[in-house]
Amino acid sequence: MRSPLARLSSGDRALLRRHLRTPVLTFLALLALLAVNVTLGATLPFAHAWIAELVVVAVMVAVILLVSMEVRKEPPLIRLFSGLGFFWVCILIGMTLTDFLAR
């Protein structure tokens, strides 16, 4: 059985490649950042490695927010509310962790 991609013209292949480029690069960037985070957590190369881990997580959240959710292409009001939504989730997680760690 032949691959469905074999039937595509060269123009269609170029269009498909152009449309898949961003999701594939986003996926690879998130995998690389995850590898950095796991490596930092497993090896603890310096005393305050958690600060570097938080920076890596912030970059991962920014990549997801800007690329996967396509907030870059939205009007400013939607960008504001999506950023506030992520900030609110961070507050909720932080309060939950504070309650859990204080007991």
N, C-alpha and C. Protein backbone atom coordinates (compact mmCIF):
# COMPACT_ATOMS: atom_id res chain seq x y z
N MET A 1 0.85 -1.18 0.00
CA MET A 1 0.00 0.00 0.00
C MET A 1 0.89 1.24 0.00
N ARG A 2 0.59 2.15 -0.88
CA ARG A 2 1.38 3.37 -1.00
C ARG A 2 0.99 4.39 0.06
N SER A 3 1.93 5.18 0.43
CA SER A 3 1.70 6.23 1.41
C SER A 3 0.84 7.33 0.79
N PRO A 4 -0.07 7.90 1.57
CA PRO A 4 -0.89 9.00 1.05
C PRO A 4 -0.03 10.23 0.70
N LEU A 5 1.13 10.34 1.32
CA LEU A 5 2.00 11.48 1.02
C LEU A 5 2.62 11.36 -0.36
N ALA A 6 2.68 10.13 -0.90
CA ALA A 6 3.28 9.93 -2.21
C ALA A 6 2.43 10.57 -3.31
N ARG A 7 1.14 10.68 -3.05
CA ARG A 7 0.23 11.24 -4.06
C ARG A 7 0.21 12.76 -4.07
N LEU A 8 0.84 13.39 -3.09
CA LEU A 8 0.82 14.85 -3.02
C LEU A 8 1.78 15.45 -4.05
N SER A 9 1.39 16.58 -4.55
CA SER A 9 2.29 17.29 -5.46
C SER A 9 3.38 17.97 -4.64
N SER A 10 4.39 18.46 -5.30
CA SER A 10 5.50 19.11 -4.58
C SER A 10 5.03 20.39 -3.87
N GLY A 11 4.08 21.09 -4.47
CA GLY A 11 3.52 22.28 -3.82
C GLY A 11 2.76 21.94 -2.56
N ASP A 12 1.99 20.83 -2.63
CA ASP A 12 1.24 20.39 -1.44
C ASP A 12 2.19 19.92 -0.34
N ARG A 13 3.25 19.25 -0.72
CA ARG A 13 4.24 18.82 0.28
C ARG A 13 4.89 20.02 0.95
N ALA A 14 5.21 21.04 0.17
CA ALA A 14 5.81 22.25 0.74
C ALA A 14 4.83 22.93 1.69
N LEU A 15 3.56 22.97 1.32
CA LEU A 15 2.54 23.56 2.18
C LEU A 15 2.40 22.76 3.48
N LEU A 16 2.39 21.44 3.36
CA LEU A 16 2.29 20.59 4.54
C LEU A 16 3.50 20.79 5.45
N ARG A 17 4.68 20.85 4.86
CA ARG A 17 5.90 21.08 5.63
C ARG A 17 5.85 22.42 6.34
N ARG A 18 5.36 23.44 5.66
CA ARG A 18 5.28 24.77 6.26
C ARG A 18 4.29 24.80 7.42
N HIS A 19 3.16 24.07 7.28
CA HIS A 19 2.16 24.05 8.36
C HIS A 19 2.61 23.21 9.55
N LEU A 20 3.41 22.18 9.31
CA LEU A 20 3.84 21.31 10.40
C LEU A 20 5.13 21.78 11.07
N ARG A 21 5.78 22.76 10.48
CA ARG A 21 7.07 23.20 11.02
C ARG A 21 6.93 23.75 12.44
N THR A 22 5.98 24.61 12.69
CA THR A 22 5.83 25.23 14.00
C THR A 22 5.49 24.21 15.09
N PRO A 23 4.50 23.32 14.89
CA PRO A 23 4.22 22.35 15.95
C PRO A 23 5.39 21.40 16.23
N VAL A 24 6.10 20.99 15.20
CA VAL A 24 7.22 20.08 15.40
C VAL A 24 8.35 20.79 16.14
N LEU A 25 8.66 22.02 15.76
CA LEU A 25 9.71 22.76 16.45
C LEU A 25 9.31 23.07 17.90
N THR A 26 8.04 23.33 18.14
CA THR A 26 7.55 23.56 19.50
C THR A 26 7.72 22.30 20.33
N PHE A 27 7.34 21.18 19.76
CA PHE A 27 7.47 19.90 20.46
C PHE A 27 8.94 19.61 20.79
N LEU A 28 9.83 19.84 19.84
CA LEU A 28 11.25 19.60 20.08
C LEU A 28 11.82 20.55 21.13
N ALA A 29 11.37 21.80 21.11
CA ALA A 29 11.83 22.76 22.11
C ALA A 29 11.36 22.36 23.50
N LEU A 30 10.10 21.92 23.61
CA LEU A 30 9.59 21.49 24.91
C LEU A 30 10.30 20.24 25.41
N LEU A 31 10.63 19.32 24.51
CA LEU A 31 11.40 18.14 24.89
C LEU A 31 12.79 18.51 25.38
N ALA A 32 13.44 19.45 24.69
CA ALA A 32 14.77 19.89 25.10
C ALA A 32 14.72 20.57 26.47
N LEU A 33 13.71 21.41 26.69
CA LEU A 33 13.58 22.06 27.99
C LEU A 33 13.27 21.05 29.10
N LEU A 34 12.49 20.04 28.78
CA LEU A 34 12.22 18.98 29.75
C LEU A 34 13.50 18.23 30.09
N ALA A 35 14.32 17.95 29.08
CA ALA A 35 15.60 17.27 29.32
C ALA A 35 16.50 18.11 30.21
N VAL A 36 16.52 19.42 29.98
CA VAL A 36 17.32 20.31 30.83
C VAL A 36 16.81 20.27 32.26
N ASN A 37 15.50 20.31 32.43
CA ASN A 37 14.90 20.31 33.77
C ASN A 37 15.18 19.00 34.49
N VAL A 38 15.04 17.88 33.80
CA VAL A 38 15.31 16.58 34.42
C VAL A 38 16.78 16.46 34.78
N THR A 39 17.66 16.92 33.90
CA THR A 39 19.09 16.87 34.18
C THR A 39 19.44 17.72 35.39
N LEU A 40 18.88 18.90 35.47
CA LEU A 40 19.13 19.75 36.65
C LEU A 40 18.60 19.11 37.92
N GLY A 41 17.45 18.48 37.83
CA GLY A 41 16.88 17.86 39.02
C GLY A 41 17.62 16.60 39.44
N ALA A 42 18.15 15.86 38.49
CA ALA A 42 18.82 14.60 38.81
C ALA A 42 20.25 14.80 39.29
N THR A 43 20.93 15.81 38.75
CA THR A 43 22.35 15.97 39.09
C THR A 43 22.61 17.02 40.16
N LEU A 44 21.71 17.98 40.32
CA LEU A 44 21.90 19.09 41.25
C LEU A 44 23.31 19.67 41.14
N PRO A 45 23.63 20.31 40.01
CA PRO A 45 25.00 20.78 39.79
C PRO A 45 25.44 21.92 40.72
N PHE A 46 24.49 22.63 41.30
CA PHE A 46 24.84 23.69 42.24
C PHE A 46 23.72 23.82 43.26
N ALA A 47 23.98 24.56 44.32
CA ALA A 47 23.08 24.59 45.48
C ALA A 47 21.69 25.12 45.15
N HIS A 48 21.62 26.14 44.32
CA HIS A 48 20.33 26.75 44.02
C HIS A 48 19.86 26.37 42.62
N ALA A 49 19.86 25.09 42.33
CA ALA A 49 19.43 24.61 41.01
C ALA A 49 17.93 24.82 40.81
N TRP A 50 17.19 24.95 41.89
CA TRP A 50 15.75 25.13 41.77
C TRP A 50 15.41 26.45 41.07
N ILE A 51 16.28 27.45 41.20
CA ILE A 51 16.03 28.72 40.51
C ILE A 51 16.12 28.52 39.00
N ALA A 52 17.12 27.78 38.57
CA ALA A 52 17.26 27.48 37.14
C ALA A 52 16.09 26.64 36.65
N GLU A 53 15.63 25.71 37.49
CA GLU A 53 14.48 24.88 37.11
C GLU A 53 13.23 25.74 36.95
N LEU A 54 13.03 26.71 37.83
CA LEU A 54 11.88 27.60 37.71
C LEU A 54 11.95 28.44 36.44
N VAL A 55 13.15 28.87 36.07
CA VAL A 55 13.31 29.64 34.84
C VAL A 55 12.97 28.76 33.63
N VAL A 56 13.42 27.51 33.65
CA VAL A 56 13.11 26.58 32.56
C VAL A 56 11.60 26.35 32.47
N VAL A 57 10.95 26.18 33.60
CA VAL A 57 9.49 25.98 33.61
C VAL A 57 8.78 27.23 33.09
N ALA A 58 9.26 28.40 33.46
CA ALA A 58 8.65 29.65 32.96
C ALA A 58 8.79 29.75 31.44
N VAL A 59 9.94 29.33 30.91
CA VAL A 59 10.12 29.34 29.46
C VAL A 59 9.17 28.33 28.80
N MET A 60 9.00 27.17 29.43
CA MET A 60 8.08 26.17 28.88
C MET A 60 6.65 26.71 28.84
N VAL A 61 6.24 27.38 29.91
CA VAL A 61 4.89 27.96 29.96
C VAL A 61 4.75 29.03 28.89
N ALA A 62 5.77 29.84 28.70
CA ALA A 62 5.71 30.89 27.68
C ALA A 62 5.61 30.29 26.28
N VAL A 63 6.34 29.21 26.03
CA VAL A 63 6.27 28.54 24.72
C VAL A 63 4.87 27.98 24.50
N ILE A 64 4.32 27.34 25.51
CA ILE A 64 2.97 26.78 25.37
C ILE A 64 1.95 27.89 25.16
N LEU A 65 2.07 28.96 25.94
CA LEU A 65 1.11 30.06 25.84
C LEU A 65 1.19 30.75 24.49
N LEU A 66 2.39 31.05 24.03
CA LEU A 66 2.54 31.83 22.81
C LEU A 66 2.38 31.01 21.54
N VAL A 67 2.87 29.78 21.54
CA VAL A 67 2.88 29.00 20.30
C VAL A 67 1.70 28.03 20.23
N SER A 68 1.55 27.19 21.25
CA SER A 68 0.50 26.17 21.18
C SER A 68 -0.90 26.77 21.28
N MET A 69 -1.05 27.78 22.12
CA MET A 69 -2.37 28.41 22.25
C MET A 69 -2.57 29.52 21.22
N GLU A 70 -1.55 29.81 20.43
CA GLU A 70 -1.59 30.81 19.37
C GLU A 70 -2.02 32.18 19.88
N VAL A 71 -1.53 32.54 21.05
CA VAL A 71 -1.87 33.84 21.63
C VAL A 71 -1.18 34.97 20.88
N ARG A 72 -0.08 34.66 20.19
CA ARG A 72 0.64 35.70 19.44
C ARG A 72 -0.24 36.39 18.42
N LYS A 73 -1.19 35.64 17.85
CA LYS A 73 -2.00 36.17 16.76
C LYS A 73 -3.33 36.78 17.25
N GLU A 74 -3.53 36.80 18.55
CA GLU A 74 -4.79 37.29 19.10
C GLU A 74 -4.72 38.79 19.41
N PRO A 75 -5.89 39.42 19.56
CA PRO A 75 -5.90 40.84 19.96
C PRO A 75 -5.34 41.01 21.37
N PRO A 76 -4.93 42.23 21.71
CA PRO A 76 -4.30 42.46 23.02
C PRO A 76 -5.17 42.09 24.22
N LEU A 77 -6.47 42.27 24.12
CA LEU A 77 -7.33 41.94 25.26
C LEU A 77 -7.31 40.44 25.53
N ILE A 78 -7.32 39.63 24.51
CA ILE A 78 -7.27 38.17 24.70
C ILE A 78 -5.91 37.77 25.26
N ARG A 79 -4.84 38.42 24.79
CA ARG A 79 -3.51 38.14 25.35
C ARG A 79 -3.47 38.47 26.83
N LEU A 80 -4.07 39.60 27.19
CA LEU A 80 -4.10 40.00 28.60
C LEU A 80 -4.82 38.96 29.45
N PHE A 81 -6.00 38.53 29.02
CA PHE A 81 -6.76 37.58 29.82
C PHE A 81 -6.14 36.19 29.84
N SER A 82 -5.46 35.79 28.77
CA SER A 82 -4.78 34.49 28.82
C SER A 82 -3.59 34.56 29.77
N GLY A 83 -2.88 35.67 29.78
CA GLY A 83 -1.78 35.83 30.74
C GLY A 83 -2.29 35.88 32.17
N LEU A 84 -3.40 36.59 32.39
CA LEU A 84 -3.98 36.63 33.73
C LEU A 84 -4.49 35.27 34.18
N GLY A 85 -5.01 34.49 33.24
CA GLY A 85 -5.45 33.14 33.57
C GLY A 85 -4.30 32.26 34.02
N PHE A 86 -3.19 32.32 33.31
CA PHE A 86 -2.02 31.55 33.73
C PHE A 86 -1.48 32.05 35.06
N PHE A 87 -1.49 33.36 35.27
CA PHE A 87 -1.05 33.92 36.55
C PHE A 87 -1.94 33.44 37.68
N TRP A 88 -3.25 33.39 37.45
CA TRP A 88 -4.19 32.93 38.47
C TRP A 88 -3.96 31.45 38.79
N VAL A 89 -3.69 30.66 37.79
CA VAL A 89 -3.39 29.24 38.03
C VAL A 89 -2.11 29.12 38.86
N CYS A 90 -1.13 29.95 38.58
CA CYS A 90 0.11 29.93 39.38
C CYS A 90 -0.17 30.29 40.83
N ILE A 91 -1.04 31.25 41.05
CA ILE A 91 -1.41 31.61 42.43
C ILE A 91 -2.10 30.44 43.11
N LEU A 92 -3.03 29.80 42.43
CA LEU A 92 -3.74 28.68 43.04
C LEU A 92 -2.81 27.52 43.37
N ILE A 93 -1.90 27.21 42.46
CA ILE A 93 -0.95 26.13 42.72
C ILE A 93 -0.02 26.52 43.87
N GLY A 94 0.42 27.77 43.88
CA GLY A 94 1.28 28.23 44.98
C GLY A 94 0.60 28.17 46.33
N MET A 95 -0.66 28.56 46.39
CA MET A 95 -1.40 28.50 47.65
C MET A 95 -1.61 27.06 48.08
N THR A 96 -1.89 26.18 47.13
CA THR A 96 -2.06 24.76 47.46
C THR A 96 -0.76 24.18 48.00
N LEU A 97 0.36 24.51 47.35
CA LEU A 97 1.66 24.02 47.84
C LEU A 97 1.98 24.59 49.22
N THR A 98 1.64 25.86 49.44
CA THR A 98 1.89 26.45 50.76
C THR A 98 1.10 25.73 51.83
N ASP A 99 -0.16 25.43 51.56
CA ASP A 99 -0.98 24.70 52.51
C ASP A 99 -0.43 23.30 52.74
N PHE A 100 -0.03 22.63 51.66
CA PHE A 100 0.48 21.26 51.78
C PHE A 100 1.81 21.22 52.54
N LEU A 101 2.70 22.15 52.23
CA LEU A 101 4.03 22.14 52.87
C LEU A 101 4.00 22.65 54.30
N ALA A 102 2.99 23.44 54.67
CA ALA A 102 2.92 23.98 56.02
C ALA A 102 2.35 22.97 57.01
N ARG A 103 1.75 21.92 56.55
CA ARG A 103 1.16 20.95 57.48
C ARG A 103 2.15 19.91 57.90
